[in-house]
């Protein structure tokens, strides 16, 4: 599974990792200064694997983790060396369904 250039955000490539009815997980490959703005209506978690990104007034460096609640906006910009970010979206909308899914696996 390879990465593809994002159709909307210049300087951003995405490697899809997993998707189902509850969540969407991917790797984001940012070129230096690339920006992404999305609605995280189902919540979001991200982990910076390489480089650094700015999210609002925070600078997240390698190994930084951020969790956003449902109905949030995510606005991240890569630093001068770019970044690689693991991103999970949509998994916080119905935690009870997630627990049930794991218990029935």
PDB file of N, CA and C in Angstrom:
ATOM      1  N   UNK A   1       0.855  -1.164   0.000  1.00  0.00           N
ATOM      2  CA  UNK A   1       0.000   0.000   0.000  1.00  0.00           C
ATOM      3  C   UNK A   1       0.906   1.234   0.000  1.00  0.00           C
ATOM      4  N   UNK A   2       0.844   2.019  -1.041  1.00  0.00           N
ATOM      5  CA  UNK A   2       1.695   3.192  -1.153  1.00  0.00           C
ATOM      6  C   UNK A   2       0.962   4.470  -0.822  1.00  0.00           C
ATOM      7  N   UNK A   3       1.716   5.545  -0.775  1.00  0.00           N
ATOM      8  CA  UNK A   3       1.108   6.840  -0.489  1.00  0.00           C
ATOM      9  C   UNK A   3       0.650   7.494  -1.783  1.00  0.00           C
ATOM     10  N   UNK A   4      -0.378   8.337  -1.662  1.00  0.00           N
ATOM     11  CA  UNK A   4      -0.919   9.086  -2.796  1.00  0.00           C
ATOM     12  C   UNK A   4      -0.984  10.556  -2.412  1.00  0.00           C
ATOM     13  N   UNK A   5      -0.783  11.419  -3.375  1.00  0.00           N
ATOM     14  CA  UNK A   5      -0.889  12.852  -3.126  1.00  0.00           C
ATOM     15  C   UNK A   5      -2.331  13.192  -2.760  1.00  0.00           C
ATOM     16  N   UNK A   6      -2.506  14.027  -1.763  1.00  0.00           N
ATOM     17  CA  UNK A   6      -3.844  14.452  -1.364  1.00  0.00           C
ATOM     18  C   UNK A   6      -4.423  15.338  -2.454  1.00  0.00           C
ATOM     19  N   UNK A   7      -5.691  15.151  -2.759  1.00  0.00           N
ATOM     20  CA  UNK A   7      -6.336  15.894  -3.842  1.00  0.00           C
ATOM     21  C   UNK A   7      -6.523  17.369  -3.513  1.00  0.00           C
ATOM     22  N   UNK A   8      -6.629  17.710  -2.243  1.00  0.00           N
ATOM     23  CA  UNK A   8      -6.920  19.084  -1.834  1.00  0.00           C
ATOM     24  C   UNK A   8      -5.709  19.815  -1.273  1.00  0.00           C
ATOM     25  N   UNK A   9      -4.897  19.138  -0.484  1.00  0.00           N
ATOM     26  CA  UNK A   9      -3.817  19.799   0.246  1.00  0.00           C
ATOM     27  C   UNK A   9      -2.472  19.589  -0.442  1.00  0.00           C
ATOM     28  N   UNK A  10      -1.897  20.677  -0.924  1.00  0.00           N
ATOM     29  CA  UNK A  10      -0.617  20.641  -1.632  1.00  0.00           C
ATOM     30  C   UNK A  10       0.512  20.285  -0.660  1.00  0.00           C
ATOM     31  N   UNK A  11       1.417  19.420  -1.100  1.00  0.00           N
ATOM     32  CA  UNK A  11       2.557  19.034  -0.270  1.00  0.00           C
ATOM     33  C   UNK A  11       2.242  17.962   0.745  1.00  0.00           C
ATOM     34  N   UNK A  12       1.097  17.290   0.586  1.00  0.00           N
ATOM     35  CA  UNK A  12       0.680  16.252   1.526  1.00  0.00           C
ATOM     36  C   UNK A  12       0.374  14.965   0.768  1.00  0.00           C
ATOM     37  N   UNK A  13       1.007  13.879   1.192  1.00  0.00           N
ATOM     38  CA  UNK A  13       0.705  12.551   0.659  1.00  0.00           C
ATOM     39  C   UNK A  13       0.147  11.706   1.798  1.00  0.00           C
ATOM     40  N   UNK A  14      -0.736  10.768   1.449  1.00  0.00           N
ATOM     41  CA  UNK A  14      -1.395   9.936   2.450  1.00  0.00           C
ATOM     42  C   UNK A  14      -1.154   8.466   2.137  1.00  0.00           C
ATOM     43  N   UNK A  15      -0.834   7.701   3.173  1.00  0.00           N
ATOM     44  CA  UNK A  15      -0.775   6.248   3.080  1.00  0.00           C
ATOM     45  C   UNK A  15      -1.919   5.702   3.926  1.00  0.00           C
ATOM     46  N   UNK A  16      -2.991   5.198   3.306  1.00  0.00           N
ATOM     47  CA  UNK A  16      -4.085   4.617   4.087  1.00  0.00           C
ATOM     48  C   UNK A  16      -3.607   3.348   4.782  1.00  0.00           C
ATOM     49  N   UNK A  17      -3.950   3.199   6.057  1.00  0.00           N
ATOM     50  CA  UNK A  17      -3.555   2.015   6.815  1.00  0.00           C
ATOM     51  C   UNK A  17      -4.739   1.121   7.148  1.00  0.00           C
ATOM     52  N   UNK A  18      -5.874   1.722   7.531  1.00  0.00           N
ATOM     53  CA  UNK A  18      -7.034   0.941   7.952  1.00  0.00           C
ATOM     54  C   UNK A  18      -8.268   1.819   7.906  1.00  0.00           C
ATOM     55  N   UNK A  19      -9.394   1.221   7.511  1.00  0.00           N
ATOM     56  CA  UNK A  19     -10.659   1.960   7.522  1.00  0.00           C
ATOM     57  C   UNK A  19     -11.798   0.977   7.714  1.00  0.00           C
ATOM     58  N   UNK A  20     -12.721   1.333   8.606  1.00  0.00           N
ATOM     59  CA  UNK A  20     -13.963   0.584   8.759  1.00  0.00           C
ATOM     60  C   UNK A  20     -15.063   1.575   9.115  1.00  0.00           C
ATOM     61  N   UNK A  21     -16.198   1.073   9.593  1.00  0.00           N
ATOM     62  CA  UNK A  21     -17.330   1.949   9.909  1.00  0.00           C
ATOM     63  C   UNK A  21     -17.068   2.854  11.101  1.00  0.00           C
ATOM     64  N   UNK A  22     -16.043   2.553  11.904  1.00  0.00           N
ATOM     65  CA  UNK A  22     -15.792   3.283  13.134  1.00  0.00           C
ATOM     66  C   UNK A  22     -14.611   4.241  13.074  1.00  0.00           C
ATOM     67  N   UNK A  23     -13.624   3.939  12.230  1.00  0.00           N
ATOM     68  CA  UNK A  23     -12.401   4.728  12.252  1.00  0.00           C
ATOM     69  C   UNK A  23     -11.683   4.697  10.909  1.00  0.00           C
ATOM     70  N   UNK A  24     -10.807   5.669  10.751  1.00  0.00           N
ATOM     71  CA  UNK A  24      -9.985   5.799   9.549  1.00  0.00           C
ATOM     72  C   UNK A  24      -8.567   6.114  10.019  1.00  0.00           C
ATOM     73  N   UNK A  25      -7.610   5.241   9.688  1.00  0.00           N
ATOM     74  CA  UNK A  25      -6.234   5.393  10.159  1.00  0.00           C
ATOM     75  C   UNK A  25      -5.309   5.535   8.951  1.00  0.00           C
ATOM     76  N   UNK A  26      -4.401   6.509   9.021  1.00  0.00           N
ATOM     77  CA  UNK A  26      -3.487   6.729   7.897  1.00  0.00           C
ATOM     78  C   UNK A  26      -2.186   7.370   8.366  1.00  0.00           C
ATOM     79  N   UNK A  27      -1.188   7.317   7.478  1.00  0.00           N
ATOM     80  CA  UNK A  27       0.056   8.051   7.668  1.00  0.00           C
ATOM     81  C   UNK A  27       0.010   9.269   6.766  1.00  0.00           C
ATOM     82  N   UNK A  28       0.366  10.409   7.319  1.00  0.00           N
ATOM     83  CA  UNK A  28       0.419  11.646   6.548  1.00  0.00           C
ATOM     84  C   UNK A  28       1.880  12.016   6.346  1.00  0.00           C
ATOM     85  N   UNK A  29       2.242  12.290   5.105  1.00  0.00           N
ATOM     86  CA  UNK A  29       3.615  12.654   4.751  1.00  0.00           C
ATOM     87  C   UNK A  29       3.601  14.114   4.294  1.00  0.00           C
ATOM     88  N   UNK A  30       4.047  15.006   5.165  1.00  0.00           N
ATOM     89  CA  UNK A  30       4.030  16.443   4.889  1.00  0.00           C
ATOM     90  C   UNK A  30       5.368  16.908   4.341  1.00  0.00           C
ATOM     91  N   UNK A  31       5.341  17.677   3.271  1.00  0.00           N
ATOM     92  CA  UNK A  31       6.536  18.398   2.842  1.00  0.00           C
ATOM     93  C   UNK A  31       6.661  19.636   3.730  1.00  0.00           C
ATOM     94  N   UNK A  32       7.830  20.239   3.755  1.00  0.00           N
ATOM     95  CA  UNK A  32       8.064  21.422   4.588  1.00  0.00           C
ATOM     96  C   UNK A  32       7.005  22.488   4.330  1.00  0.00           C
ATOM     97  N   UNK A  33       6.387  22.981   5.399  1.00  0.00           N
ATOM     98  CA  UNK A  33       5.406  24.052   5.314  1.00  0.00           C
ATOM     99  C   UNK A  33       4.031  23.655   4.830  1.00  0.00           C
ATOM    100  N   UNK A  34       3.825  22.390   4.481  1.00  0.00           N
ATOM    101  CA  UNK A  34       2.505  21.946   4.007  1.00  0.00           C
ATOM    102  C   UNK A  34       1.486  22.057   5.134  1.00  0.00           C
ATOM    103  N   UNK A  35       0.252  22.369   4.760  1.00  0.00           N
ATOM    104  CA  UNK A  35      -0.817  22.583   5.733  1.00  0.00           C
ATOM    105  C   UNK A  35      -2.015  21.711   5.388  1.00  0.00           C
ATOM    106  N   UNK A  36      -2.712  21.250   6.432  1.00  0.00           N
ATOM    107  CA  UNK A  36      -3.944  20.486   6.273  1.00  0.00           C
ATOM    108  C   UNK A  36      -4.957  20.999   7.281  1.00  0.00           C
ATOM    109  N   UNK A  37      -6.159  21.291   6.809  1.00  0.00           N
ATOM    110  CA  UNK A  37      -7.256  21.722   7.673  1.00  0.00           C
ATOM    111  C   UNK A  37      -8.436  20.807   7.412  1.00  0.00           C
ATOM    112  N   UNK A  38      -8.874  20.089   8.452  1.00  0.00           N
ATOM    113  CA  UNK A  38     -10.013  19.186   8.301  1.00  0.00           C
ATOM    114  C   UNK A  38     -10.913  19.263   9.528  1.00  0.00           C
ATOM    115  N   UNK A  39     -12.138  18.841   9.343  1.00  0.00           N
ATOM    116  CA  UNK A  39     -13.063  18.704  10.451  1.00  0.00           C
ATOM    117  C   UNK A  39     -12.826  17.343  11.096  1.00  0.00           C
ATOM    118  N   UNK A  40     -12.676  17.340  12.393  1.00  0.00           N
ATOM    119  CA  UNK A  40     -12.528  16.088  13.139  1.00  0.00           C
ATOM    120  C   UNK A  40     -13.822  15.857  13.905  1.00  0.00           C
ATOM    121  N   UNK A  41     -14.925  15.778  13.167  1.00  0.00           N
ATOM    122  CA  UNK A  41     -16.241  15.675  13.794  1.00  0.00           C
ATOM    123  C   UNK A  41     -16.379  14.417  14.643  1.00  0.00           C
ATOM    124  N   UNK A  42     -15.642  13.367  14.306  1.00  0.00           N
ATOM    125  CA  UNK A  42     -15.678  12.139  15.085  1.00  0.00           C
ATOM    126  C   UNK A  42     -14.503  11.997  16.029  1.00  0.00           C
ATOM    127  N   UNK A  43     -13.804  13.108  16.264  1.00  0.00           N
ATOM    128  CA  UNK A  43     -12.618  13.080  17.109  1.00  0.00           C
ATOM    129  C   UNK A  43     -11.391  12.683  16.311  1.00  0.00           C
ATOM    130  N   UNK A  44     -10.222  12.914  16.889  1.00  0.00           N
ATOM    131  CA  UNK A  44      -8.967  12.589  16.200  1.00  0.00           C
ATOM    132  C   UNK A  44      -7.864  12.344  17.211  1.00  0.00           C
ATOM    133  N   UNK A  45      -6.920  11.513  16.808  1.00  0.00           N
ATOM    134  CA  UNK A  45      -5.681  11.327  17.548  1.00  0.00           C
ATOM    135  C   UNK A  45      -4.559  11.361  16.537  1.00  0.00           C
ATOM    136  N   UNK A  46      -3.463  12.004  16.908  1.00  0.00           N
ATOM    137  CA  UNK A  46      -2.311  11.994  16.016  1.00  0.00           C
ATOM    138  C   UNK A  46      -1.038  11.820  16.817  1.00  0.00           C
ATOM    139  N   UNK A  47      -0.065  11.184  16.173  1.00  0.00           N
ATOM    140  CA  UNK A  47       1.249  10.945  16.748  1.00  0.00           C
ATOM    141  C   UNK A  47       2.278  11.385  15.719  1.00  0.00           C
ATOM    142  N   UNK A  48       3.163  12.277  16.119  1.00  0.00           N
ATOM    143  CA  UNK A  48       4.209  12.753  15.216  1.00  0.00           C
ATOM    144  C   UNK A  48       5.340  11.725  15.224  1.00  0.00           C
ATOM    145  N   UNK A  49       5.594  11.135  14.064  1.00  0.00           N
ATOM    146  CA  UNK A  49       6.624  10.104  13.934  1.00  0.00           C
ATOM    147  C   UNK A  49       7.973  10.670  13.513  1.00  0.00           C
ATOM    148  N   UNK A  50       7.940  11.714  12.686  1.00  0.00           N
ATOM    149  CA  UNK A  50       9.166  12.369  12.221  1.00  0.00           C
ATOM    150  C   UNK A  50       8.884  13.850  12.048  1.00  0.00           C
ATOM    151  N   UNK A  51       9.887  14.677  12.257  1.00  0.00           N
ATOM    152  CA  UNK A  51       9.746  16.113  12.053  1.00  0.00           C
ATOM    153  C   UNK A  51       8.915  16.767  13.138  1.00  0.00           C
ATOM    154  N   UNK A  52       8.255  17.867  12.767  1.00  0.00           N
ATOM    155  CA  UNK A  52       7.383  18.566  13.707  1.00  0.00           C
ATOM    156  C   UNK A  52       6.253  19.238  12.945  1.00  0.00           C
ATOM    157  N   UNK A  53       5.149  19.477  13.668  1.00  0.00           N
ATOM    158  CA  UNK A  53       3.992  20.169  13.108  1.00  0.00           C
ATOM    159  C   UNK A  53       3.486  21.183  14.123  1.00  0.00           C
ATOM    160  N   UNK A  54       2.848  22.217  13.620  1.00  0.00           N
ATOM    161  CA  UNK A  54       2.164  23.188  14.476  1.00  0.00           C
ATOM    162  C   UNK A  54       0.673  22.928  14.376  1.00  0.00           C
ATOM    163  N   UNK A  55       0.008  22.946  15.524  1.00  0.00           N
ATOM    164  CA  UNK A  55      -1.446  22.800  15.569  1.00  0.00           C
ATOM    165  C   UNK A  55      -1.943  23.921  16.466  1.00  0.00           C
ATOM    166  N   UNK A  56      -2.577  24.919  15.846  1.00  0.00           N
ATOM    167  CA  UNK A  56      -2.964  26.142  16.528  1.00  0.00           C
ATOM    168  C   UNK A  56      -1.728  26.753  17.190  1.00  0.00           C
ATOM    169  N   UNK A  57      -1.693  26.871  18.512  1.00  0.00           N
ATOM    170  CA  UNK A  57      -0.548  27.518  19.168  1.00  0.00           C
ATOM    171  C   UNK A  57       0.482  26.513  19.690  1.00  0.00           C
ATOM    172  N   UNK A  58       0.272  25.222  19.423  1.00  0.00           N
ATOM    173  CA  UNK A  58       1.184  24.184  19.912  1.00  0.00           C
ATOM    174  C   UNK A  58       2.127  23.714  18.810  1.00  0.00           C
ATOM    175  N   UNK A  59       3.374  23.444  19.181  1.00  0.00           N
ATOM    176  CA  UNK A  59       4.324  22.802  18.273  1.00  0.00           C
ATOM    177  C   UNK A  59       4.510  21.378  18.781  1.00  0.00           C
ATOM    178  N   UNK A  60       4.196  20.416  17.927  1.00  0.00           N
ATOM    179  CA  UNK A  60       4.311  19.009  18.276  1.00  0.00           C
ATOM    180  C   UNK A  60       5.552  18.444  17.601  1.00  0.00           C
ATOM    181  N   UNK A  61       6.475  17.930  18.392  1.00  0.00           N
ATOM    182  CA  UNK A  61       7.730  17.376  17.879  1.00  0.00           C
ATOM    183  C   UNK A  61       7.626  15.851  17.838  1.00  0.00           C
ATOM    184  N   UNK A  62       8.669  15.214  17.340  1.00  0.00           N
ATOM    185  CA  UNK A  62       8.697  13.759  17.242  1.00  0.00           C
ATOM    186  C   UNK A  62       8.270  13.120  18.560  1.00  0.00           C
ATOM    187  N   UNK A  63       7.377  12.156  18.456  1.00  0.00           N
ATOM    188  CA  UNK A  63       6.797  11.388  19.559  1.00  0.00           C
ATOM    189  C   UNK A  63       5.724  12.155  20.331  1.00  0.00           C
ATOM    190  N   UNK A  64       5.331  13.343  19.876  1.00  0.00           N
ATOM    191  CA  UNK A  64       4.219  14.063  20.510  1.00  0.00           C
ATOM    192  C   UNK A  64       2.905  13.433  20.078  1.00  0.00           C
ATOM    193  N   UNK A  65       1.952  13.419  21.000  1.00  0.00           N
ATOM    194  CA  UNK A  65       0.642  12.836  20.747  1.00  0.00           C
ATOM    195  C   UNK A  65      -0.407  13.888  21.061  1.00  0.00           C
ATOM    196  N   UNK A  66      -1.449  13.944  20.246  1.00  0.00           N
ATOM    197  CA  UNK A  66      -2.536  14.898  20.455  1.00  0.00           C
ATOM    198  C   UNK A  66      -3.855  14.185  20.242  1.00  0.00           C
ATOM    199  N   UNK A  67      -4.792  14.420  21.151  1.00  0.00           N
ATOM    200  CA  UNK A  67      -6.145  13.874  21.011  1.00  0.00           C
ATOM    201  C   UNK A  67      -7.115  15.043  20.985  1.00  0.00           C
ATOM    202  N   UNK A  68      -7.972  15.053  19.968  1.00  0.00           N
ATOM    203  CA  UNK A  68      -8.986  16.093  19.833  1.00  0.00           C
ATOM    204  C   UNK A  68     -10.363  15.483  20.044  1.00  0.00           C
ATOM    205  N   UNK A  69     -11.227  16.148  20.803  1.00  0.00           N
ATOM    206  CA  UNK A  69     -12.572  15.621  21.037  1.00  0.00           C
ATOM    207  C   UNK A  69     -13.433  15.724  19.782  1.00  0.00           C
ATOM    208  N   UNK A  70     -14.596  15.094  19.834  1.00  0.00           N
ATOM    209  CA  UNK A  70     -15.516  15.171  18.703  1.00  0.00           C
ATOM    210  C   UNK A  70     -15.876  16.633  18.435  1.00  0.00           C
ATOM    211  N   UNK A  71     -16.227  16.893  17.195  1.00  0.00           N
ATOM    212  CA  UNK A  71     -16.600  18.231  16.714  1.00  0.00           C
ATOM    213  C   UNK A  71     -15.467  19.245  16.836  1.00  0.00           C
ATOM    214  N   UNK A  72     -14.246  18.784  16.602  1.00  0.00           N
ATOM    215  CA  UNK A  72     -13.078  19.666  16.609  1.00  0.00           C
ATOM    216  C   UNK A  72     -12.643  19.962  15.184  1.00  0.00           C
ATOM    217  N   UNK A  73     -11.792  20.951  15.061  1.00  0.00           N
ATOM    218  CA  UNK A  73     -11.140  21.271  13.794  1.00  0.00           C
ATOM    219  C   UNK A  73      -9.658  20.973  13.961  1.00  0.00           C
ATOM    220  N   UNK A  74      -9.066  20.359  12.957  1.00  0.00           N
ATOM    221  CA  UNK A  74      -7.640  20.061  12.972  1.00  0.00           C
ATOM    222  C   UNK A  74      -6.973  20.910  11.905  1.00  0.00           C
ATOM    223  N   UNK A  75      -6.002  21.717  12.327  1.00  0.00           N
ATOM    224  CA  UNK A  75      -5.284  22.605  11.411  1.00  0.00           C
ATOM    225  C   UNK A  75      -3.799  22.452  11.719  1.00  0.00           C
ATOM    226  N   UNK A  76      -3.114  21.626  10.931  1.00  0.00           N
ATOM    227  CA  UNK A  76      -1.698  21.377  11.199  1.00  0.00           C
ATOM    228  C   UNK A  76      -0.833  21.807  10.019  1.00  0.00           C
ATOM    229  N   UNK A  77       0.329  22.340  10.379  1.00  0.00           N
ATOM    230  CA  UNK A  77       1.311  22.797   9.397  1.00  0.00           C
ATOM    231  C   UNK A  77       2.656  22.174   9.740  1.00  0.00           C
ATOM    232  N   UNK A  78       3.295  21.583   8.736  1.00  0.00           N
ATOM    233  CA  UNK A  78       4.598  20.946   8.945  1.00  0.00           C
ATOM    234  C   UNK A  78       5.686  21.985   9.133  1.00  0.00           C
ATOM    235  N   UNK A  79       6.703  21.616   9.898  1.00  0.00           N
ATOM    236  CA  UNK A  79       7.864  22.470  10.115  1.00  0.00           C
ATOM    237  C   UNK A  79       8.770  22.510   8.894  1.00  0.00           C
ATOM    238  N   UNK A  80       9.938  23.111   9.060  1.00  0.00           N
ATOM    239  CA  UNK A  80      10.827  23.367   7.922  1.00  0.00           C
ATOM    240  C   UNK A  80      11.456  22.110   7.330  1.00  0.00           C
ATOM    241  N   UNK A  81      11.365  20.978   8.021  1.00  0.00           N
ATOM    242  CA  UNK A  81      11.909  19.726   7.494  1.00  0.00           C
ATOM    243  C   UNK A  81      10.808  18.734   7.124  1.00  0.00           C
ATOM    244  N   UNK A  82       9.554  19.188   7.137  1.00  0.00           N
ATOM    245  CA  UNK A  82       8.445  18.286   6.849  1.00  0.00           C
ATOM    246  C   UNK A  82       8.111  17.441   8.066  1.00  0.00           C
ATOM    247  N   UNK A  83       7.213  16.475   7.875  1.00  0.00           N
ATOM    248  CA  UNK A  83       6.800  15.629   8.992  1.00  0.00           C
ATOM    249  C   UNK A  83       6.109  14.375   8.480  1.00  0.00           C
ATOM    250  N   UNK A  84       6.143  13.351   9.330  1.00  0.00           N
ATOM    251  CA  UNK A  84       5.346  12.145   9.112  1.00  0.00           C
ATOM    252  C   UNK A  84       4.470  11.989  10.352  1.00  0.00           C
ATOM    253  N   UNK A  85       3.160  11.869  10.134  1.00  0.00           N
ATOM    254  CA  UNK A  85       2.202  11.854  11.236  1.00  0.00           C
ATOM    255  C   UNK A  85       1.247  10.674  11.072  1.00  0.00           C
ATOM    256  N   UNK A  86       1.058   9.912  12.144  1.00  0.00           N
ATOM    257  CA  UNK A  86       0.045   8.860  12.201  1.00  0.00           C
ATOM    258  C   UNK A  86      -1.244   9.538  12.638  1.00  0.00           C
ATOM    259  N   UNK A  87      -2.343   9.297  11.923  1.00  0.00           N
ATOM    260  CA  UNK A  87      -3.614   9.965  12.221  1.00  0.00           C
ATOM    261  C   UNK A  87      -4.749   8.960  12.260  1.00  0.00           C
ATOM    262  N   UNK A  88      -5.565   9.051  13.313  1.00  0.00           N
ATOM    263  CA  UNK A  88      -6.779   8.245  13.438  1.00  0.00           C
ATOM    264  C   UNK A  88      -7.950   9.207  13.582  1.00  0.00           C
ATOM    265  N   UNK A  89      -8.979   9.004  12.759  1.00  0.00           N
ATOM    266  CA  UNK A  89     -10.164   9.866  12.765  1.00  0.00           C
ATOM    267  C   UNK A  89     -11.430   9.051  12.993  1.00  0.00           C
ATOM    268  N   UNK A  90     -12.424   9.683  13.634  1.00  0.00           N
ATOM    269  CA  UNK A  90     -13.772   9.147  13.695  1.00  0.00           C
ATOM    270  C   UNK A  90     -14.062   8.147  14.785  1.00  0.00           C
ATOM    271  N   UNK A  91     -13.095   7.766  15.564  1.00  0.00           N
ATOM    272  CA  UNK A  91     -13.257   6.666  16.507  1.00  0.00           C
ATOM    273  C   UNK A  91     -13.856   7.069  17.852  1.00  0.00           C
ATOM    274  N   UNK A  92     -14.110   8.340  18.058  1.00  0.00           N
ATOM    275  CA  UNK A  92     -14.624   8.778  19.361  1.00  0.00           C
ATOM    276  C   UNK A  92     -16.124   9.052  19.359  1.00  0.00           C
ATOM    277  N   UNK A  93     -16.794   8.830  18.234  1.00  0.00           N
ATOM    278  CA  UNK A  93     -18.213   9.172  18.145  1.00  0.00           C
ATOM    279  C   UNK A  93     -19.095   8.257  18.974  1.00  0.00           C
ATOM    280  N   UNK A  94     -18.763   6.997  19.048  1.00  0.00           N
ATOM    281  CA  UNK A  94     -19.574   6.070  19.826  1.00  0.00           C
ATOM    282  C   UNK A  94     -18.677   5.024  20.472  1.00  0.00           C
ATOM    283  N   UNK A  95     -18.153   5.369  21.623  1.00  0.00           N
ATOM    284  CA  UNK A  95     -17.209   4.495  22.311  1.00  0.00           C
ATOM    285  C   UNK A  95     -17.857   3.168  22.685  1.00  0.00           C
ATOM    286  N   UNK A  96     -19.142   3.178  23.038  1.00  0.00           N
ATOM    287  CA  UNK A  96     -19.812   1.932  23.408  1.00  0.00           C
ATOM    288  C   UNK A  96     -19.814   0.930  22.259  1.00  0.00           C
ATOM    289  N   UNK A  97     -20.008   1.400  21.030  1.00  0.00           N
ATOM    290  CA  UNK A  97     -19.955   0.498  19.873  1.00  0.00           C
ATOM    291  C   UNK A  97     -18.552  -0.059  19.684  1.00  0.00           C
ATOM    292  N   UNK A  98     -17.545   0.744  19.961  1.00  0.00           N
ATOM    293  CA  UNK A  98     -16.162   0.271  19.859  1.00  0.00           C
ATOM    294  C   UNK A  98     -15.901  -0.843  20.876  1.00  0.00           C
ATOM    295  N   UNK A  99     -16.353  -0.658  22.102  1.00  0.00           N
ATOM    296  CA  UNK A  99     -16.160  -1.671  23.143  1.00  0.00           C
ATOM    297  C   UNK A  99     -16.870  -2.959  22.749  1.00  0.00           C
ATOM    298  N   UNK A 100     -18.099  -2.845  22.265  1.00  0.00           N
ATOM    299  CA  UNK A 100     -18.865  -4.014  21.834  1.00  0.00           C
ATOM    300  C   UNK A 100     -18.161  -4.736  20.683  1.00  0.00           C
ATOM    301  N   UNK A 101     -17.623  -3.994  19.750  1.00  0.00           N
ATOM    302  CA  UNK A 101     -16.924  -4.591  18.610  1.00  0.00           C
ATOM    303  C   UNK A 101     -15.720  -5.400  19.087  1.00  0.00           C
ATOM    304  N   UNK A 102     -14.953  -4.864  20.023  1.00  0.00           N
ATOM    305  CA  UNK A 102     -13.772  -5.567  20.532  1.00  0.00           C
ATOM    306  C   UNK A 102     -14.180  -6.806  21.321  1.00  0.00           C
ATOM    307  N   UNK A 103     -15.225  -6.696  22.131  1.00  0.00           N
ATOM    308  CA  UNK A 103     -15.664  -7.830  22.937  1.00  0.00           C
ATOM    309  C   UNK A 103     -16.188  -8.972  22.078  1.00  0.00           C
ATOM    310  N   UNK A 104     -16.758  -8.645  20.919  1.00  0.00           N
ATOM    311  CA  UNK A 104     -17.328  -9.670  20.041  1.00  0.00           C
ATOM    312  C   UNK A 104     -16.356 -10.161  18.976  1.00  0.00           C
ATOM    313  N   UNK A 105     -15.130  -9.688  19.027  1.00  0.00           N
ATOM    314  CA  UNK A 105     -14.144 -10.087  17.998  1.00  0.00           C
ATOM    315  C   UNK A 105     -13.686 -11.515  18.197  1.00  0.00           C
TER     316      UNK A 105
END
